[in-house]
């Protein structure tokens, strides 16, 4: 018998191993890659779809716009769905709906059908990224979250690169139907991995749906994304653009007022009470406008000024993706050890350097020189982007995580759309202005790209200053 004075030895504490949760992370990566591929895969297909359906650009463009709007509509529901049905079930249901929508897109017989089926795709895909971020954040201990989140950056890098290349190859050598059918095997793999490896969790009690927020969020977020898209294509003085802006901003103000008073809000805006959280998310918005606008400009420059095909452009951008992925892994490990400020500051210094170099690109700049610039851009992108997301999640109250990741995704939808609209608008107006002055067409285009990259540089420098005010939040 054990002596009363003797105490049983405590069970040894198992050390956390990143390798142990790699299957979970891989399941999330496959699901997120599936969805993110389809944000870029349609761009190359537009001319072929116009010819096959016998319709105009504005009609087919709605297949992209409708998908983006559908993403914006369902993102705010990610937190409630995770709490109500568990994150695993919500993730798998989203993948299922997205895959079904992809098959429907592949068999579309008219532009109207394609647009409707793309909306179904978007409704399925909108919750995948925020749920994936929240799941990965929960399965890792606080001092390893940077490393895990760094791995989740892979879809963000591969999708913009692989989407146009894969789409171009399928359209050239197979047909446009396969840019959607390719999602079927990937979707099935994502579902099998998810069912096997994603952790089960208990449903949360008291998960009443915020009906008023649910009604206002589409008008606020999807309406704002629509207004920005239309403003970029039709002009900011367009009547419908102005109506959409006024309506969506009004809905956004009402949404904010209601969400701040709700116990079970769709988006947890009370997180903004944390000064660290607010500093991080504002800096991430500035970073997104500068970065995603630049990422859009690079393939445009390669194709419009240098005459490369979509496939060739994708190959030239590979150094950017490779360096960005390496930097994300390094940045995640550094975040775990020293916090966000030095990592994000370094990333923005490198990003600013890259944008300065890109603002000097000429029509005869060596391919190898350009690729080195893209690699520098990727290094800055990798250090800054996911590190900021880590900081934002680490700064948010622990109980709000499932409602904070949709907030991050909703903001990203709006600010990426804003970045694309602003940068393309600046580029177009600058080229037009130079052409009207009698400048050679190629020189006018080069000057337009210079001006637009310089604008992105100014934004990156503003972000550089803001990064000095970041602090390392306490581990929770």
Protein backbone atom coordinates (compact mmCIF):
# COMPACT_ATOMS: atom_id res chain seq x y z
CA UNK A 1 0.00 0.00 0.00
CA UNK A 2 1.06 3.57 -0.66
CA UNK A 3 2.15 5.53 2.35
CA UNK A 4 -0.23 8.41 3.09
CA UNK A 5 2.69 10.80 3.03
CA UNK A 6 3.69 9.66 -0.39
CA UNK A 7 2.22 11.45 -3.39
CA UNK A 8 1.79 9.90 -6.79
CA UNK A 9 4.19 11.22 -9.36
CA UNK A 10 2.53 13.52 -11.91
CA UNK A 11 2.11 12.08 -15.37
CA UNK A 12 4.78 13.30 -17.74
CA UNK A 13 3.70 16.23 -19.87
CA UNK A 14 3.83 15.43 -23.54
CA UNK A 15 5.83 17.91 -25.51
CA UNK A 16 4.01 19.51 -28.42
CA UNK A 17 5.18 18.35 -31.82
CA UNK A 18 4.43 20.24 -35.03
CA UNK A 19 4.78 16.91 -36.86
CA UNK A 20 1.87 15.48 -34.85
CA UNK A 21 -0.61 18.01 -36.22
CA UNK A 22 0.75 18.15 -39.78
CA UNK A 23 -2.09 15.91 -41.08
CA UNK A 24 -4.62 18.42 -39.70
CA UNK A 25 -2.72 21.34 -41.23
CA UNK A 26 -2.43 19.50 -44.56
CA UNK A 27 -6.20 18.85 -44.61
CA UNK A 28 -6.81 22.57 -44.05
CA UNK A 29 -4.26 23.56 -46.72
CA UNK A 30 -5.89 21.35 -49.38
CA UNK A 31 -9.35 22.77 -48.63
CA UNK A 32 -8.12 26.37 -48.62
CA UNK A 33 -6.09 25.86 -51.80
CA UNK A 34 -9.18 24.46 -53.56
CA UNK A 35 -11.13 27.65 -52.84
CA UNK A 36 -8.34 30.17 -53.40
CA UNK A 37 -7.41 28.69 -56.79
CA UNK A 38 -10.84 29.71 -58.04
CA UNK A 39 -10.32 33.38 -57.23
CA UNK A 40 -7.78 33.57 -60.10
CA UNK A 41 -8.48 30.61 -62.38
CA UNK A 42 -11.34 32.37 -64.22
CA UNK A 43 -9.33 35.41 -65.33
CA UNK A 44 -7.51 33.65 -68.17
CA UNK A 45 -10.69 31.88 -69.31
CA UNK A 46 -12.74 35.02 -70.01
CA UNK A 47 -11.89 35.40 -73.75
CA UNK A 48 -12.68 31.72 -74.43
CA UNK A 49 -15.95 31.90 -72.48
CA UNK A 50 -16.95 35.01 -74.44
CA UNK A 51 -16.42 33.15 -77.71
CA UNK A 52 -18.11 29.91 -76.64
CA UNK A 53 -21.17 31.62 -75.16
CA UNK A 54 -21.27 34.39 -77.78
CA UNK A 55 -21.56 37.15 -75.20
CA UNK A 56 -19.75 40.31 -74.13
CA UNK A 57 -17.09 40.98 -71.53
CA UNK A 58 -19.45 42.74 -69.10
CA UNK A 59 -21.73 39.70 -68.96
CA UNK A 60 -18.95 37.15 -68.41
CA UNK A 61 -17.27 39.45 -65.88
CA UNK A 62 -20.26 38.79 -63.62
CA UNK A 63 -19.07 35.19 -63.23
CA UNK A 64 -16.09 36.64 -61.33
CA UNK A 65 -17.99 39.43 -59.59
CA UNK A 66 -20.82 37.08 -58.51
CA UNK A 67 -18.31 34.65 -57.01
CA UNK A 68 -16.60 37.47 -55.08
CA UNK A 69 -19.93 38.84 -53.81
CA UNK A 70 -21.03 35.38 -52.66
CA UNK A 71 -17.78 34.98 -50.72
CA UNK A 72 -18.45 38.31 -49.02
CA UNK A 73 -22.01 37.29 -48.07
CA UNK A 74 -21.14 34.08 -46.20
CA UNK A 75 -17.82 35.02 -44.57
CA UNK A 76 -19.54 36.68 -41.56
CA UNK A 77 -21.45 33.42 -40.92
CA UNK A 78 -18.25 31.40 -40.39
CA UNK A 79 -18.02 32.02 -36.65
CA UNK A 80 -21.68 31.23 -35.94
CA UNK A 81 -21.56 28.09 -38.12
CA UNK A 82 -18.47 26.82 -36.30
CA UNK A 83 -20.09 27.37 -32.90
CA UNK A 84 -23.46 25.95 -33.92
CA UNK A 85 -22.40 22.89 -35.96
CA UNK A 86 -18.69 22.55 -34.90
CA UNK A 87 -15.83 23.83 -37.03
CA UNK A 88 -15.19 20.42 -38.61
CA UNK A 89 -18.76 20.00 -39.88
CA UNK A 90 -18.97 23.59 -41.12
CA UNK A 91 -15.64 23.20 -42.96
CA UNK A 92 -16.70 19.92 -44.61
CA UNK A 93 -20.12 21.28 -45.55
CA UNK A 94 -18.49 24.31 -47.17
CA UNK A 95 -16.11 22.11 -49.19
CA UNK A 96 -19.03 19.92 -50.29
CA UNK A 97 -21.11 22.88 -51.50
CA UNK A 98 -18.09 24.40 -53.25
CA UNK A 99 -17.27 21.14 -55.05
CA UNK A 100 -20.90 20.68 -56.12
CA UNK A 101 -20.94 24.25 -57.44
CA UNK A 102 -17.75 23.52 -59.42
CA UNK A 103 -19.34 20.53 -61.16
CA UNK A 104 -22.39 22.62 -62.01
CA UNK A 105 -20.14 25.35 -63.48
CA UNK A 106 -18.47 22.73 -65.68
CA UNK A 107 -21.80 21.78 -67.27
CA UNK A 108 -23.20 25.32 -67.58
CA UNK A 109 -24.98 25.88 -70.92
CA UNK A 110 -25.36 29.66 -70.80
CA UNK A 111 -23.77 32.75 -69.19
CA UNK A 112 -26.71 33.03 -66.79
CA UNK A 113 -26.22 29.43 -65.60
CA UNK A 114 -22.48 29.96 -65.19
CA UNK A 115 -23.05 33.08 -63.09
CA UNK A 116 -25.60 31.32 -60.84
CA UNK A 117 -23.35 28.27 -60.38
CA UNK A 118 -20.34 30.50 -59.61
CA UNK A 119 -22.44 32.12 -56.88
CA UNK A 120 -23.10 28.63 -55.44
CA UNK A 121 -19.32 28.07 -55.53
CA UNK A 122 -18.76 31.31 -53.63
CA UNK A 123 -21.41 30.49 -51.03
CA UNK A 124 -19.57 27.23 -50.38
CA UNK A 125 -16.09 28.70 -50.38
CA UNK A 126 -16.57 31.82 -48.28
CA UNK A 127 -16.29 30.13 -44.88
CA UNK A 128 -13.36 27.82 -45.66
CA UNK A 129 -10.52 30.28 -45.03
CA UNK A 130 -11.80 31.85 -41.75
CA UNK A 131 -12.74 28.45 -40.31
CA UNK A 132 -9.35 27.03 -41.35
CA UNK A 133 -7.51 29.91 -39.67
CA UNK A 134 -9.52 29.53 -36.46
CA UNK A 135 -8.97 25.75 -36.36
CA UNK A 136 -5.22 26.04 -36.86
CA UNK A 137 -5.01 28.71 -34.18
CA UNK A 138 -6.81 26.50 -31.68
CA UNK A 139 -4.82 23.29 -32.23
CA UNK A 140 -1.40 24.90 -31.65
CA UNK A 141 -0.05 26.13 -28.31
CA UNK A 142 0.53 29.90 -28.09
CA UNK A 143 4.30 29.73 -28.56
CA UNK A 144 3.99 27.65 -31.78
CA UNK A 145 1.14 29.44 -33.52
CA UNK A 146 3.43 31.49 -35.74
CA UNK A 147 5.02 28.34 -37.18
CA UNK A 148 1.65 26.68 -37.85
CA UNK A 149 0.08 29.79 -39.37
CA UNK A 150 3.15 30.18 -41.56
CA UNK A 151 2.36 26.81 -43.15
CA UNK A 152 -1.21 27.96 -43.84
CA UNK A 153 0.21 30.73 -46.02
CA UNK A 154 0.95 28.16 -48.72
CA UNK A 155 -2.50 28.42 -50.41
CA UNK A 156 -2.21 32.22 -50.47
CA UNK A 157 1.02 31.90 -52.46
CA UNK A 158 0.35 28.93 -54.71
CA UNK A 159 -3.18 29.93 -55.76
CA UNK A 160 -2.37 33.27 -57.49
CA UNK A 161 0.57 31.62 -59.24
CA UNK A 162 -0.93 28.24 -60.14
CA UNK A 163 -4.43 29.49 -61.02
CA UNK A 164 -3.60 31.38 -64.26
CA UNK A 165 -0.96 28.81 -65.33
CA UNK A 166 -3.28 25.84 -64.78
CA UNK A 167 -6.21 27.65 -66.38
CA UNK A 168 -4.13 28.65 -69.41
CA UNK A 169 -2.88 25.09 -69.93
CA UNK A 170 -6.34 23.49 -69.58
CA UNK A 171 -7.95 25.99 -71.97
CA UNK A 172 -5.13 25.61 -74.50
CA UNK A 173 -4.90 21.81 -74.49
CA UNK A 174 -8.24 20.53 -73.13
CA UNK A 175 -11.26 22.88 -72.77
CA UNK A 176 -12.65 25.48 -70.37
CA UNK A 177 -14.95 22.95 -68.64
CA UNK A 178 -11.91 21.41 -66.97
CA UNK A 179 -10.99 24.57 -65.07
CA UNK A 180 -14.02 23.64 -62.94
CA UNK A 181 -13.91 19.83 -63.20
CA UNK A 182 -10.36 19.86 -61.80
CA UNK A 183 -11.96 20.89 -58.50
CA UNK A 184 -13.82 17.57 -58.20
CA UNK A 185 -10.83 15.32 -57.36
CA UNK A 186 -9.26 18.03 -55.20
CA UNK A 187 -12.56 18.51 -53.37
CA UNK A 188 -12.94 14.78 -52.75
CA UNK A 189 -9.38 14.61 -51.37
CA UNK A 190 -10.08 17.62 -49.13
CA UNK A 191 -13.24 15.94 -47.79
CA UNK A 192 -11.50 12.63 -47.13
CA UNK A 193 -8.61 14.33 -45.33
CA UNK A 194 -10.98 16.54 -43.37
CA UNK A 195 -13.19 13.68 -42.23
CA UNK A 196 -10.17 11.68 -41.09
CA UNK A 197 -7.90 14.30 -39.53
CA UNK A 198 -9.84 17.41 -38.48
CA UNK A 199 -10.51 17.37 -34.73
CA UNK A 200 -14.04 17.02 -33.41
CA UNK A 201 -15.24 19.65 -30.97
CA UNK A 202 -18.32 20.25 -28.91
CA UNK A 203 -21.08 22.56 -30.08
CA UNK A 204 -21.18 25.76 -28.11
CA UNK A 205 -24.20 26.52 -26.00
CA UNK A 206 -26.14 29.74 -26.54
CA UNK A 207 -25.38 30.10 -30.27
CA UNK A 208 -28.40 32.12 -31.29
CA UNK A 209 -28.15 33.53 -34.78
CA UNK A 210 -27.84 37.31 -34.97
CA UNK A 211 -30.72 37.88 -37.41
CA UNK A 212 -30.30 41.65 -37.73
CA UNK A 213 -26.59 41.25 -38.39
CA UNK A 214 -27.32 38.48 -40.88
CA UNK A 215 -29.66 40.76 -42.84
CA UNK A 216 -27.31 43.75 -42.79
CA UNK A 217 -23.98 42.02 -43.48
CA UNK A 218 -24.66 41.22 -47.18
CA UNK A 219 -25.80 44.79 -47.81
CA UNK A 220 -22.71 46.10 -46.00
CA UNK A 221 -19.89 43.83 -47.23
CA UNK A 222 -21.15 42.43 -50.53
CA UNK A 223 -22.65 45.84 -51.34
CA UNK A 224 -19.34 47.58 -50.65
CA UNK A 225 -17.38 45.04 -52.72
CA UNK A 226 -19.88 45.52 -55.58
CA UNK A 227 -19.61 49.32 -55.35
CA UNK A 228 -15.81 49.16 -55.45
CA UNK A 229 -15.81 46.74 -58.41
CA UNK A 230 -18.26 48.94 -60.33
CA UNK A 231 -16.41 52.12 -59.44
CA UNK A 232 -13.21 50.63 -60.80
CA UNK A 233 -14.81 49.60 -64.10
CA UNK A 234 -17.51 52.22 -64.70
CA UNK A 235 -16.03 55.23 -62.88
CA UNK A 236 -16.71 56.67 -59.42
CA UNK A 237 -19.17 59.19 -60.82
CA UNK A 238 -21.44 56.43 -62.16
CA UNK A 239 -24.97 56.70 -60.71
CA UNK A 240 -25.22 53.04 -59.69
CA UNK A 241 -21.76 53.20 -58.11
CA UNK A 242 -22.78 56.19 -55.98
CA UNK A 243 -26.08 54.54 -54.95
CA UNK A 244 -24.27 51.30 -54.06
CA UNK A 245 -21.63 53.19 -52.04
CA UNK A 246 -24.19 55.19 -50.07
CA UNK A 247 -26.38 52.14 -49.45
CA UNK A 248 -23.52 49.84 -48.41
CA UNK A 249 -21.87 52.43 -46.14
CA UNK A 250 -25.21 53.12 -44.46
CA UNK A 251 -25.71 49.37 -43.95
CA UNK A 252 -22.15 49.11 -42.60
CA UNK A 253 -22.75 51.84 -40.00
CA UNK A 254 -26.00 50.15 -38.88
CA UNK A 255 -24.24 46.77 -38.82
CA UNK A 256 -21.48 48.14 -36.57
CA UNK A 257 -24.01 49.71 -34.16
CA UNK A 258 -26.01 46.47 -33.91
CA UNK A 259 -22.99 44.16 -33.60
CA UNK A 260 -21.54 46.19 -30.72
CA UNK A 261 -24.77 45.67 -28.79
CA UNK A 262 -25.13 41.91 -29.49
CA UNK A 263 -24.07 39.15 -27.12
CA UNK A 264 -23.79 36.69 -30.05
CA UNK A 265 -22.55 38.98 -32.80
CA UNK A 266 -21.71 37.60 -36.24
CA UNK A 267 -18.43 39.54 -36.23
CA UNK A 268 -16.87 40.24 -32.85
CA UNK A 269 -16.25 43.99 -33.14
CA UNK A 270 -15.55 44.22 -29.41
CA UNK A 271 -12.08 42.94 -30.31
CA UNK A 272 -11.30 46.53 -31.37
CA UNK A 273 -11.24 47.40 -27.66
CA UNK A 274 -7.81 45.77 -27.68
CA UNK A 275 -5.37 48.45 -28.83
CA UNK A 276 -2.92 45.78 -30.01
CA UNK A 277 -5.64 44.18 -32.13
CA UNK A 278 -6.68 47.52 -33.64
CA UNK A 279 -3.11 48.51 -34.53
CA UNK A 280 -2.54 45.13 -36.14
CA UNK A 281 -5.68 45.02 -38.26
CA UNK A 282 -5.33 48.63 -39.48
CA UNK A 283 -1.74 47.90 -40.51
CA UNK A 284 -2.89 44.71 -42.28
CA UNK A 285 -5.39 46.75 -44.32
CA UNK A 286 -2.69 49.21 -45.40
CA UNK A 287 -0.39 46.29 -46.24
CA UNK A 288 -3.11 44.56 -48.30
CA UNK A 289 -3.79 47.64 -50.42
CA UNK A 290 -0.09 48.10 -51.19
CA UNK A 291 0.71 44.43 -51.68
CA UNK A 292 -2.27 43.01 -53.57
CA UNK A 293 -2.36 45.98 -55.92
CA UNK A 294 1.29 45.29 -56.76
CA UNK A 295 0.67 41.57 -57.25
CA UNK A 296 -2.03 42.51 -59.79
CA UNK A 297 0.30 44.92 -61.64
CA UNK A 298 3.12 42.44 -62.25
CA UNK A 299 1.33 40.05 -64.67
CA UNK A 300 -0.26 43.06 -66.39
CA UNK A 301 3.19 44.56 -67.00
CA UNK A 302 4.57 41.25 -68.23
CA UNK A 303 1.70 40.71 -70.66
CA UNK A 304 0.87 44.24 -71.82
CA UNK A 305 4.36 45.76 -71.99
CA UNK A 306 6.59 42.74 -72.50
CA UNK A 307 4.16 40.59 -74.50
CA UNK A 308 4.45 37.40 -72.45
CA UNK A 309 1.56 34.92 -72.38
CA UNK A 310 -0.37 34.12 -69.19
CA UNK A 311 1.50 30.83 -68.91
CA UNK A 312 4.90 32.49 -69.36
CA UNK A 313 3.99 35.23 -66.88
CA UNK A 314 3.09 32.60 -64.30
CA UNK A 315 6.48 30.92 -64.73
CA UNK A 316 8.33 34.24 -64.32
CA UNK A 317 6.55 34.90 -61.02
CA UNK A 318 7.63 31.57 -59.49
CA UNK A 319 10.58 33.17 -57.61
CA UNK A 320 8.12 35.46 -55.83
CA UNK A 321 6.02 32.50 -54.63
CA UNK A 322 9.05 30.43 -53.59
CA UNK A 323 10.65 33.26 -51.61
CA UNK A 324 7.33 34.18 -50.04
CA UNK A 325 6.74 30.63 -48.80
CA UNK A 326 10.25 30.40 -47.33
CA UNK A 327 9.79 33.80 -45.67
CA UNK A 328 6.43 32.76 -44.21
CA UNK A 329 8.01 29.74 -42.52
CA UNK A 330 10.89 31.84 -41.19
CA UNK A 331 8.55 34.68 -40.21
CA UNK A 332 6.30 32.30 -38.27
CA UNK A 333 9.24 30.95 -36.25
CA UNK A 334 10.56 34.46 -35.59
CA UNK A 335 7.10 35.63 -34.50
CA UNK A 336 7.01 32.85 -31.89
CA UNK A 337 10.36 34.04 -30.50
CA UNK A 338 10.46 37.83 -30.83
CA UNK A 339 6.94 38.99 -31.66
CA UNK A 340 5.46 40.84 -34.63
CA UNK A 341 7.14 44.25 -34.67
CA UNK A 342 10.68 43.37 -35.85
CA UNK A 343 9.40 40.77 -38.32
CA UNK A 344 6.71 43.00 -39.86
CA UNK A 345 9.07 46.00 -39.91
CA UNK A 346 11.70 43.96 -41.76
CA UNK A 347 9.07 42.65 -44.16
CA UNK A 348 7.83 46.14 -44.97
CA UNK A 349 11.40 47.43 -45.48
CA UNK A 350 11.96 44.63 -48.01
CA UNK A 351 8.52 45.19 -49.59
CA UNK A 352 9.24 48.93 -49.95
CA UNK A 353 12.61 48.15 -51.53
CA UNK A 354 10.95 45.81 -54.02
CA UNK A 355 8.29 48.38 -54.94
CA UNK A 356 11.00 51.03 -55.45
CA UNK A 357 12.82 48.67 -57.81
CA UNK A 358 9.60 47.73 -59.63
CA UNK A 359 8.78 51.41 -60.14
CA UNK A 360 11.88 51.59 -62.35
CA UNK A 361 11.02 48.68 -64.67
CA UNK A 362 11.56 49.41 -68.36
CA UNK A 363 10.34 47.77 -71.56
CA UNK A 364 13.81 46.24 -72.05
CA UNK A 365 14.63 45.26 -68.45
CA UNK A 366 16.33 41.86 -68.34
CA UNK A 367 14.09 38.90 -67.46
CA UNK A 368 16.56 37.81 -64.78
CA UNK A 369 16.57 41.27 -63.22
CA UNK A 370 12.78 41.29 -63.12
CA UNK A 371 12.70 37.84 -61.54
CA UNK A 372 15.11 39.03 -58.84
CA UNK A 373 12.75 41.97 -58.11
CA UNK A 374 9.82 39.55 -57.86
CA UNK A 375 11.82 37.39 -55.43
CA UNK A 376 12.50 40.42 -53.21
CA UNK A 377 8.78 41.27 -53.29
CA UNK A 378 7.97 37.71 -52.25
CA UNK A 379 10.40 37.90 -49.34
CA UNK A 380 8.71 41.05 -48.02
CA UNK A 381 5.25 39.57 -48.63
CA UNK A 382 6.06 36.38 -46.75
CA UNK A 383 7.53 38.07 -43.69
CA UNK A 384 4.70 40.56 -43.32
CA UNK A 385 1.35 39.04 -44.30
CA UNK A 386 0.91 35.95 -42.12
CA UNK A 387 2.90 37.53 -39.27
CA UNK A 388 0.30 40.28 -39.13
CA UNK A 389 -2.52 37.71 -39.12
CA UNK A 390 -0.76 35.91 -36.26
CA UNK A 391 -0.46 39.16 -34.32
CA UNK A 392 -4.14 40.02 -34.85
CA UNK A 393 -5.35 36.60 -33.66
CA UNK A 394 -2.94 36.59 -30.73
CA UNK A 395 -4.19 40.04 -29.70
CA UNK A 396 -7.88 39.09 -29.81
CA UNK A 397 -9.66 37.73 -26.71
CA UNK A 398 -9.43 33.92 -26.73
CA UNK A 399 -13.21 33.39 -26.63
CA UNK A 400 -13.69 35.56 -29.74
CA UNK A 401 -11.37 33.66 -32.11
CA UNK A 402 -14.11 31.94 -34.13
CA UNK A 403 -15.75 35.35 -34.69
CA UNK A 404 -12.49 37.24 -35.32
CA UNK A 405 -11.28 35.18 -38.30
CA UNK A 406 -14.43 36.07 -40.31
CA UNK A 407 -13.77 39.70 -39.40
CA UNK A 408 -10.25 39.43 -40.85
CA UNK A 409 -11.57 37.73 -44.01
CA UNK A 410 -14.39 40.27 -44.48
CA UNK A 411 -11.93 43.13 -44.19
CA UNK A 412 -9.58 41.44 -46.63
CA UNK A 413 -12.39 41.01 -49.19
CA UNK A 414 -13.19 44.73 -49.05
CA UNK A 415 -9.61 46.03 -49.02
CA UNK A 416 -8.32 43.68 -51.72
CA UNK A 417 -11.24 44.78 -53.94
CA UNK A 418 -10.44 48.40 -53.09
CA UNK A 419 -6.76 47.83 -53.92
CA UNK A 420 -7.55 46.26 -57.30
CA UNK A 421 -10.01 49.04 -58.19
CA UNK A 422 -7.68 51.85 -57.12
CA UNK A 423 -4.53 50.46 -58.73
CA UNK A 424 -6.20 49.58 -62.04
CA UNK A 425 -7.91 52.98 -62.05
CA UNK A 426 -4.60 54.77 -61.43
CA UNK A 427 -2.87 52.71 -64.10
CA UNK A 428 -5.55 53.37 -66.72
CA UNK A 429 -5.78 57.11 -66.02
CA UNK A 430 -1.99 57.53 -66.03
CA UNK A 431 -1.61 55.68 -69.35
CA UNK A 432 -4.46 57.71 -70.89
CA UNK A 433 -2.96 60.98 -69.67
CA UNK A 434 0.44 60.16 -71.15
CA UNK A 435 -1.13 59.02 -74.44
CA UNK A 436 -3.02 62.33 -74.68
CA UNK A 437 0.28 64.15 -74.30
CA UNK A 438 1.52 62.39 -77.43
CA UNK A 439 3.77 59.90 -75.66
CA UNK A 440 4.72 56.71 -77.47
CA UNK A 441 2.19 53.95 -76.54
CA UNK A 442 4.79 51.65 -74.97
CA UNK A 443 6.44 54.53 -73.10
CA UNK A 444 2.99 55.68 -71.92
CA UNK A 445 2.29 52.22 -70.50
CA UNK A 446 5.68 52.05 -68.77
CA UNK A 447 5.11 55.50 -67.24
CA UNK A 448 1.67 54.38 -66.04
CA UNK A 449 3.15 51.35 -64.28
CA UNK A 450 5.87 53.55 -62.73
CA UNK A 451 3.26 55.89 -61.28
CA UNK A 452 1.12 53.05 -59.91
CA UNK A 453 4.05 51.19 -58.31
CA UNK A 454 5.13 54.49 -56.72
CA UNK A 455 1.66 54.85 -55.19
CA UNK A 456 1.97 51.35 -53.73
CA UNK A 457 5.42 52.31 -52.41
CA UNK A 458 3.99 55.32 -50.54
CA UNK A 459 1.39 53.06 -48.90
CA UNK A 460 4.07 50.53 -47.93
CA UNK A 461 6.13 53.31 -46.33
CA UNK A 462 3.06 54.40 -44.34
CA UNK A 463 2.75 50.79 -43.16
CA UNK A 464 6.43 50.80 -42.25
CA UNK A 465 5.85 53.71 -39.86
CA UNK A 466 2.74 52.05 -38.37
CA UNK A 467 4.67 48.81 -37.75
CA UNK A 468 6.89 50.62 -35.23
CA UNK A 469 3.89 50.83 -32.89
CA UNK A 470 3.18 47.10 -32.80
CA UNK A 471 3.81 45.35 -29.52
CA UNK A 472 4.05 41.67 -28.62
CA UNK A 473 0.71 40.57 -27.12
CA UNK A 474 0.70 38.24 -24.15
CA UNK A 475 0.34 34.56 -25.01
CA UNK A 476 -3.16 33.25 -24.28
